Structures are given as structure tokens and as C-alpha cells.
Amino acid sequence: MTPADRVARRVVVRGDVQGVFYRDTCLREAESCGVAGWVRNLPDGSVEALFEGSERDVDQMVDWALAGPRKASVESSDVHEADPGGLTRFEVRD
């Protein structure tokens, strides 16, 4: 994939999304999809993630993020286009 083929999207989800293994599950899902980026808890109880990779893979991760892991309950979300930064791995941020 060339850099021109990469897309990035930033997602913020709200609801019961902290304390339900959201970040850990997101890491595993992103690694299995080959998506780079990061995920972190925000002080207001929401979770923010950045996904970067092919459009198909990023779309798959956005769809996953809007549902979350089994124990999560996503009540609202925001999805924004972002500039790809050439990230090469996915990480959980504090």
C-alpha cells in the first residue's frame, strides 16, 4: 500500500465504554486487521481512537468501535477524517 492509499479516522465513543476491556479488545482487533493507530480513555469517561490503514480495514475498525466489545454499551459517537501520519503499529495510550 502506498502512502496515498492510506486513510485515517478519529473516533470518540461515549456510554459504558471504560472498565469493559474496550482498549484491550480494540488493540487485538486492530492488530488482526493490520490497522495502525492508538486508543485511549478520556477523563470524561469516553474512549478516543485513531485508526490508520487501508480504507477497507479502517472502515472495519470504525464499525467495530461503534459497537465495541461485548460488555460495552456505546450510546453516542463522533467519527472524523484525519490525516494519515505514517503510523506503523497500534498501541494503547494512557
N, C-alpha and C. Protein backbone atom coordinates (compact mmCIF):
# COMPACT_ATOMS: atom_id res chain seq x y z
N MET A 1 0.85 -1.17 0.00
CA MET A 1 0.00 0.00 0.00
C MET A 1 0.90 1.24 0.00
N THR A 2 0.59 2.17 -0.86
CA THR A 2 1.36 3.40 -0.91
C THR A 2 0.80 4.38 0.11
N PRO A 3 1.60 5.37 0.51
CA PRO A 3 1.09 6.37 1.46
C PRO A 3 -0.18 7.06 0.96
N ALA A 4 -0.32 7.21 -0.35
CA ALA A 4 -1.52 7.85 -0.90
C ALA A 4 -2.77 6.99 -0.72
N ASP A 5 -2.58 5.69 -0.52
CA ASP A 5 -3.71 4.77 -0.33
C ASP A 5 -4.17 4.69 1.12
N ARG A 6 -3.44 5.32 2.03
CA ARG A 6 -3.78 5.23 3.45
C ARG A 6 -4.81 6.29 3.82
N VAL A 7 -5.71 5.90 4.71
CA VAL A 7 -6.69 6.83 5.28
C VAL A 7 -6.57 6.76 6.80
N ALA A 8 -7.11 7.76 7.46
CA ALA A 8 -7.13 7.77 8.92
C ALA A 8 -8.46 8.36 9.39
N ARG A 9 -8.97 7.81 10.47
CA ARG A 9 -10.20 8.33 11.07
C ARG A 9 -10.04 8.33 12.58
N ARG A 10 -10.56 9.40 13.19
CA ARG A 10 -10.56 9.53 14.65
C ARG A 10 -11.98 9.28 15.13
N VAL A 11 -12.11 8.44 16.13
CA VAL A 11 -13.41 8.05 16.66
C VAL A 11 -13.45 8.35 18.16
N VAL A 12 -14.54 8.94 18.62
CA VAL A 12 -14.80 9.10 20.05
C VAL A 12 -16.13 8.43 20.34
N VAL A 13 -16.12 7.51 21.29
CA VAL A 13 -17.35 6.82 21.69
C VAL A 13 -17.67 7.13 23.14
N ARG A 14 -18.97 7.26 23.42
CA ARG A 14 -19.44 7.57 24.77
C ARG A 14 -20.46 6.54 25.19
N GLY A 15 -20.58 6.37 26.48
CA GLY A 15 -21.51 5.40 27.06
C GLY A 15 -20.77 4.59 28.10
N ASP A 16 -21.13 3.34 28.22
CA ASP A 16 -20.43 2.44 29.14
C ASP A 16 -19.27 1.82 28.37
N VAL A 17 -18.16 2.59 28.25
CA VAL A 17 -17.04 2.17 27.41
C VAL A 17 -15.71 2.09 28.16
N GLN A 18 -15.70 2.45 29.43
CA GLN A 18 -14.49 2.29 30.23
C GLN A 18 -14.75 1.21 31.27
N GLY A 19 -13.72 0.42 31.55
CA GLY A 19 -13.86 -0.66 32.52
C GLY A 19 -14.51 -1.91 31.95
N VAL A 20 -14.57 -1.99 30.60
CA VAL A 20 -15.20 -3.14 29.94
C VAL A 20 -14.24 -3.77 28.93
N PHE A 21 -12.94 -3.55 29.11
CA PHE A 21 -11.89 -4.07 28.23
C PHE A 21 -11.98 -3.51 26.82
N TYR A 22 -12.50 -2.29 26.68
CA TYR A 22 -12.63 -1.66 25.36
C TYR A 22 -11.26 -1.49 24.71
N ARG A 23 -10.31 -0.89 25.43
CA ARG A 23 -8.99 -0.61 24.82
C ARG A 23 -8.25 -1.89 24.48
N ASP A 24 -8.25 -2.86 25.37
CA ASP A 24 -7.55 -4.12 25.12
C ASP A 24 -8.14 -4.85 23.92
N THR A 25 -9.46 -4.90 23.84
CA THR A 25 -10.11 -5.57 22.72
C THR A 25 -9.87 -4.80 21.43
N CYS A 26 -9.88 -3.48 21.51
CA CYS A 26 -9.61 -2.65 20.33
C CYS A 26 -8.20 -2.93 19.80
N LEU A 27 -7.24 -3.04 20.70
CA LEU A 27 -5.86 -3.36 20.30
C LEU A 27 -5.81 -4.68 19.53
N ARG A 28 -6.44 -5.70 20.07
CA ARG A 28 -6.42 -7.01 19.40
C ARG A 28 -7.13 -6.96 18.05
N GLU A 29 -8.26 -6.27 17.97
CA GLU A 29 -8.99 -6.15 16.70
C GLU A 29 -8.15 -5.40 15.67
N ALA A 30 -7.53 -4.31 16.08
CA ALA A 30 -6.72 -3.52 15.15
C ALA A 30 -5.52 -4.32 14.65
N GLU A 31 -4.88 -5.05 15.54
CA GLU A 31 -3.74 -5.87 15.12
C GLU A 31 -4.18 -6.95 14.14
N SER A 32 -5.34 -7.53 14.36
CA SER A 32 -5.81 -8.59 13.45
C SER A 32 -6.22 -8.01 12.10
N CYS A 33 -6.61 -6.74 12.06
CA CYS A 33 -6.98 -6.09 10.80
C CYS A 33 -5.78 -5.45 10.10
N GLY A 34 -4.65 -5.36 10.79
CA GLY A 34 -3.49 -4.71 10.20
C GLY A 34 -3.59 -3.19 10.20
N VAL A 35 -4.34 -2.66 11.17
CA VAL A 35 -4.55 -1.21 11.27
C VAL A 35 -3.60 -0.64 12.32
N ALA A 36 -3.00 0.51 12.00
CA ALA A 36 -2.13 1.22 12.93
C ALA A 36 -2.95 2.28 13.66
N GLY A 37 -2.37 2.85 14.72
CA GLY A 37 -3.04 3.93 15.44
C GLY A 37 -2.93 3.77 16.93
N TRP A 38 -3.95 4.23 17.64
CA TRP A 38 -3.95 4.19 19.10
C TRP A 38 -5.37 4.29 19.64
N VAL A 39 -5.51 3.95 20.92
CA VAL A 39 -6.77 4.08 21.64
C VAL A 39 -6.46 4.54 23.05
N ARG A 40 -7.33 5.39 23.61
CA ARG A 40 -7.10 5.87 24.98
C ARG A 40 -8.42 6.24 25.64
N ASN A 41 -8.43 6.15 26.98
CA ASN A 41 -9.55 6.63 27.77
C ASN A 41 -9.43 8.14 27.91
N LEU A 42 -10.55 8.83 27.91
CA LEU A 42 -10.57 10.27 28.15
C LEU A 42 -11.15 10.54 29.54
N PRO A 43 -10.79 11.67 30.14
CA PRO A 43 -11.23 11.96 31.51
C PRO A 43 -12.75 12.01 31.68
N ASP A 44 -13.49 12.31 30.61
CA ASP A 44 -14.95 12.42 30.73
C ASP A 44 -15.66 11.07 30.64
N GLY A 45 -14.90 9.96 30.59
CA GLY A 45 -15.49 8.63 30.54
C GLY A 45 -15.64 8.07 29.15
N SER A 46 -15.29 8.86 28.14
CA SER A 46 -15.37 8.37 26.76
C SER A 46 -14.05 7.71 26.36
N VAL A 47 -14.03 7.11 25.18
CA VAL A 47 -12.83 6.50 24.63
C VAL A 47 -12.58 7.11 23.25
N GLU A 48 -11.32 7.44 22.98
CA GLU A 48 -10.92 8.01 21.70
C GLU A 48 -9.95 7.05 21.02
N ALA A 49 -10.08 6.91 19.71
CA ALA A 49 -9.17 6.05 18.95
C ALA A 49 -8.86 6.70 17.62
N LEU A 50 -7.68 6.40 17.10
CA LEU A 50 -7.27 6.81 15.77
C LEU A 50 -6.90 5.54 15.02
N PHE A 51 -7.52 5.34 13.86
CA PHE A 51 -7.24 4.17 13.03
C PHE A 51 -6.64 4.64 11.72
N GLU A 52 -5.56 3.97 11.29
CA GLU A 52 -4.88 4.33 10.05
C GLU A 52 -4.53 3.07 9.27
N GLY A 53 -4.82 3.08 7.98
CA GLY A 53 -4.50 1.94 7.12
C GLY A 53 -5.28 2.04 5.83
N SER A 54 -5.57 0.89 5.23
CA SER A 54 -6.38 0.89 4.00
C SER A 54 -7.80 1.32 4.35
N GLU A 55 -8.50 1.86 3.39
CA GLU A 55 -9.87 2.32 3.66
C GLU A 55 -10.75 1.18 4.14
N ARG A 56 -10.63 0.02 3.53
CA ARG A 56 -11.44 -1.13 3.92
C ARG A 56 -11.17 -1.53 5.37
N ASP A 57 -9.89 -1.61 5.75
CA ASP A 57 -9.53 -2.02 7.12
C ASP A 57 -9.94 -0.96 8.15
N VAL A 58 -9.74 0.30 7.80
CA VAL A 58 -10.13 1.38 8.72
C VAL A 58 -11.65 1.41 8.89
N ASP A 59 -12.38 1.22 7.79
CA ASP A 59 -13.85 1.16 7.90
C ASP A 59 -14.28 0.02 8.82
N GLN A 60 -13.60 -1.11 8.71
CA GLN A 60 -13.92 -2.26 9.56
C GLN A 60 -13.69 -1.92 11.03
N MET A 61 -12.59 -1.22 11.33
CA MET A 61 -12.32 -0.84 12.72
C MET A 61 -13.30 0.22 13.22
N VAL A 62 -13.68 1.16 12.37
CA VAL A 62 -14.69 2.15 12.79
C VAL A 62 -15.99 1.44 13.13
N ASP A 63 -16.41 0.50 12.28
CA ASP A 63 -17.63 -0.26 12.57
C ASP A 63 -17.51 -0.98 13.90
N TRP A 64 -16.34 -1.59 14.15
CA TRP A 64 -16.13 -2.28 15.42
C TRP A 64 -16.23 -1.29 16.58
N ALA A 65 -15.57 -0.14 16.45
CA ALA A 65 -15.53 0.85 17.53
C ALA A 65 -16.93 1.35 17.89
N LEU A 66 -17.81 1.45 16.91
CA LEU A 66 -19.16 1.96 17.17
C LEU A 66 -20.01 0.95 17.93
N ALA A 67 -19.60 -0.31 17.93
CA ALA A 67 -20.28 -1.34 18.72
C ALA A 67 -19.49 -1.65 19.99
N GLY A 68 -18.16 -1.73 19.86
CA GLY A 68 -17.30 -2.02 21.00
C GLY A 68 -17.32 -3.49 21.36
N PRO A 69 -16.62 -3.86 22.42
CA PRO A 69 -16.61 -5.25 22.87
C PRO A 69 -17.96 -5.63 23.49
N ARG A 70 -18.11 -6.89 23.75
CA ARG A 70 -19.39 -7.44 24.22
C ARG A 70 -19.97 -6.71 25.44
N LYS A 71 -19.14 -6.34 26.40
CA LYS A 71 -19.65 -5.72 27.63
C LYS A 71 -19.87 -4.21 27.52
N ALA A 72 -19.46 -3.61 26.41
CA ALA A 72 -19.61 -2.16 26.23
C ALA A 72 -21.03 -1.81 25.79
N SER A 73 -21.40 -0.57 26.06
CA SER A 73 -22.67 -0.03 25.57
C SER A 73 -22.39 1.36 25.03
N VAL A 74 -22.22 1.45 23.71
CA VAL A 74 -21.93 2.74 23.06
C VAL A 74 -23.24 3.48 22.87
N GLU A 75 -23.33 4.67 23.48
CA GLU A 75 -24.55 5.46 23.41
C GLU A 75 -24.48 6.54 22.33
N SER A 76 -23.29 7.08 22.08
CA SER A 76 -23.12 8.08 21.02
C SER A 76 -21.67 8.04 20.55
N SER A 77 -21.45 8.62 19.38
CA SER A 77 -20.10 8.58 18.81
C SER A 77 -19.89 9.73 17.85
N ASP A 78 -18.64 10.05 17.61
CA ASP A 78 -18.23 11.01 16.58
C ASP A 78 -17.14 10.34 15.77
N VAL A 79 -17.20 10.48 14.46
CA VAL A 79 -16.18 9.95 13.57
C VAL A 79 -15.72 11.10 12.68
N HIS A 80 -14.41 11.32 12.64
CA HIS A 80 -13.84 12.41 11.84
C HIS A 80 -12.70 11.89 10.98
N GLU A 81 -12.63 12.40 9.76
CA GLU A 81 -11.48 12.12 8.90
C GLU A 81 -10.24 12.75 9.54
N ALA A 82 -9.11 12.11 9.38
CA ALA A 82 -7.84 12.63 9.91
C ALA A 82 -6.77 12.45 8.83
N ASP A 83 -5.68 13.14 8.99
CA ASP A 83 -4.56 12.99 8.07
C ASP A 83 -3.72 11.80 8.50
N PRO A 84 -3.45 10.86 7.59
CA PRO A 84 -2.58 9.73 7.94
C PRO A 84 -1.20 10.24 8.34
N GLY A 85 -0.65 9.66 9.40
CA GLY A 85 0.64 10.11 9.91
C GLY A 85 1.76 9.12 9.70
N GLY A 86 1.49 8.06 8.94
CA GLY A 86 2.53 7.06 8.71
C GLY A 86 2.77 6.16 9.90
N LEU A 87 1.76 5.97 10.75
CA LEU A 87 1.90 5.10 11.91
C LEU A 87 2.12 3.67 11.46
N THR A 88 2.87 2.92 12.23
CA THR A 88 3.23 1.55 11.83
C THR A 88 2.72 0.48 12.79
N ARG A 89 2.16 0.88 13.93
CA ARG A 89 1.65 -0.11 14.88
C ARG A 89 0.48 0.49 15.63
N PHE A 90 -0.23 -0.37 16.37
CA PHE A 90 -1.36 0.09 17.17
C PHE A 90 -0.96 -0.01 18.63
N GLU A 91 -1.36 0.99 19.42
CA GLU A 91 -1.00 0.99 20.84
C GLU A 91 -2.12 1.53 21.71
N VAL A 92 -2.09 1.10 22.97
CA VAL A 92 -2.99 1.64 23.97
C VAL A 92 -2.25 2.76 24.67
N ARG A 93 -2.86 3.93 24.68
CA ARG A 93 -2.25 5.10 25.34
C ARG A 93 -2.95 5.36 26.67
N ASP A 94 -2.18 5.93 27.61
CA ASP A 94 -2.75 6.30 28.93
C ASP A 94 -3.37 7.67 28.86
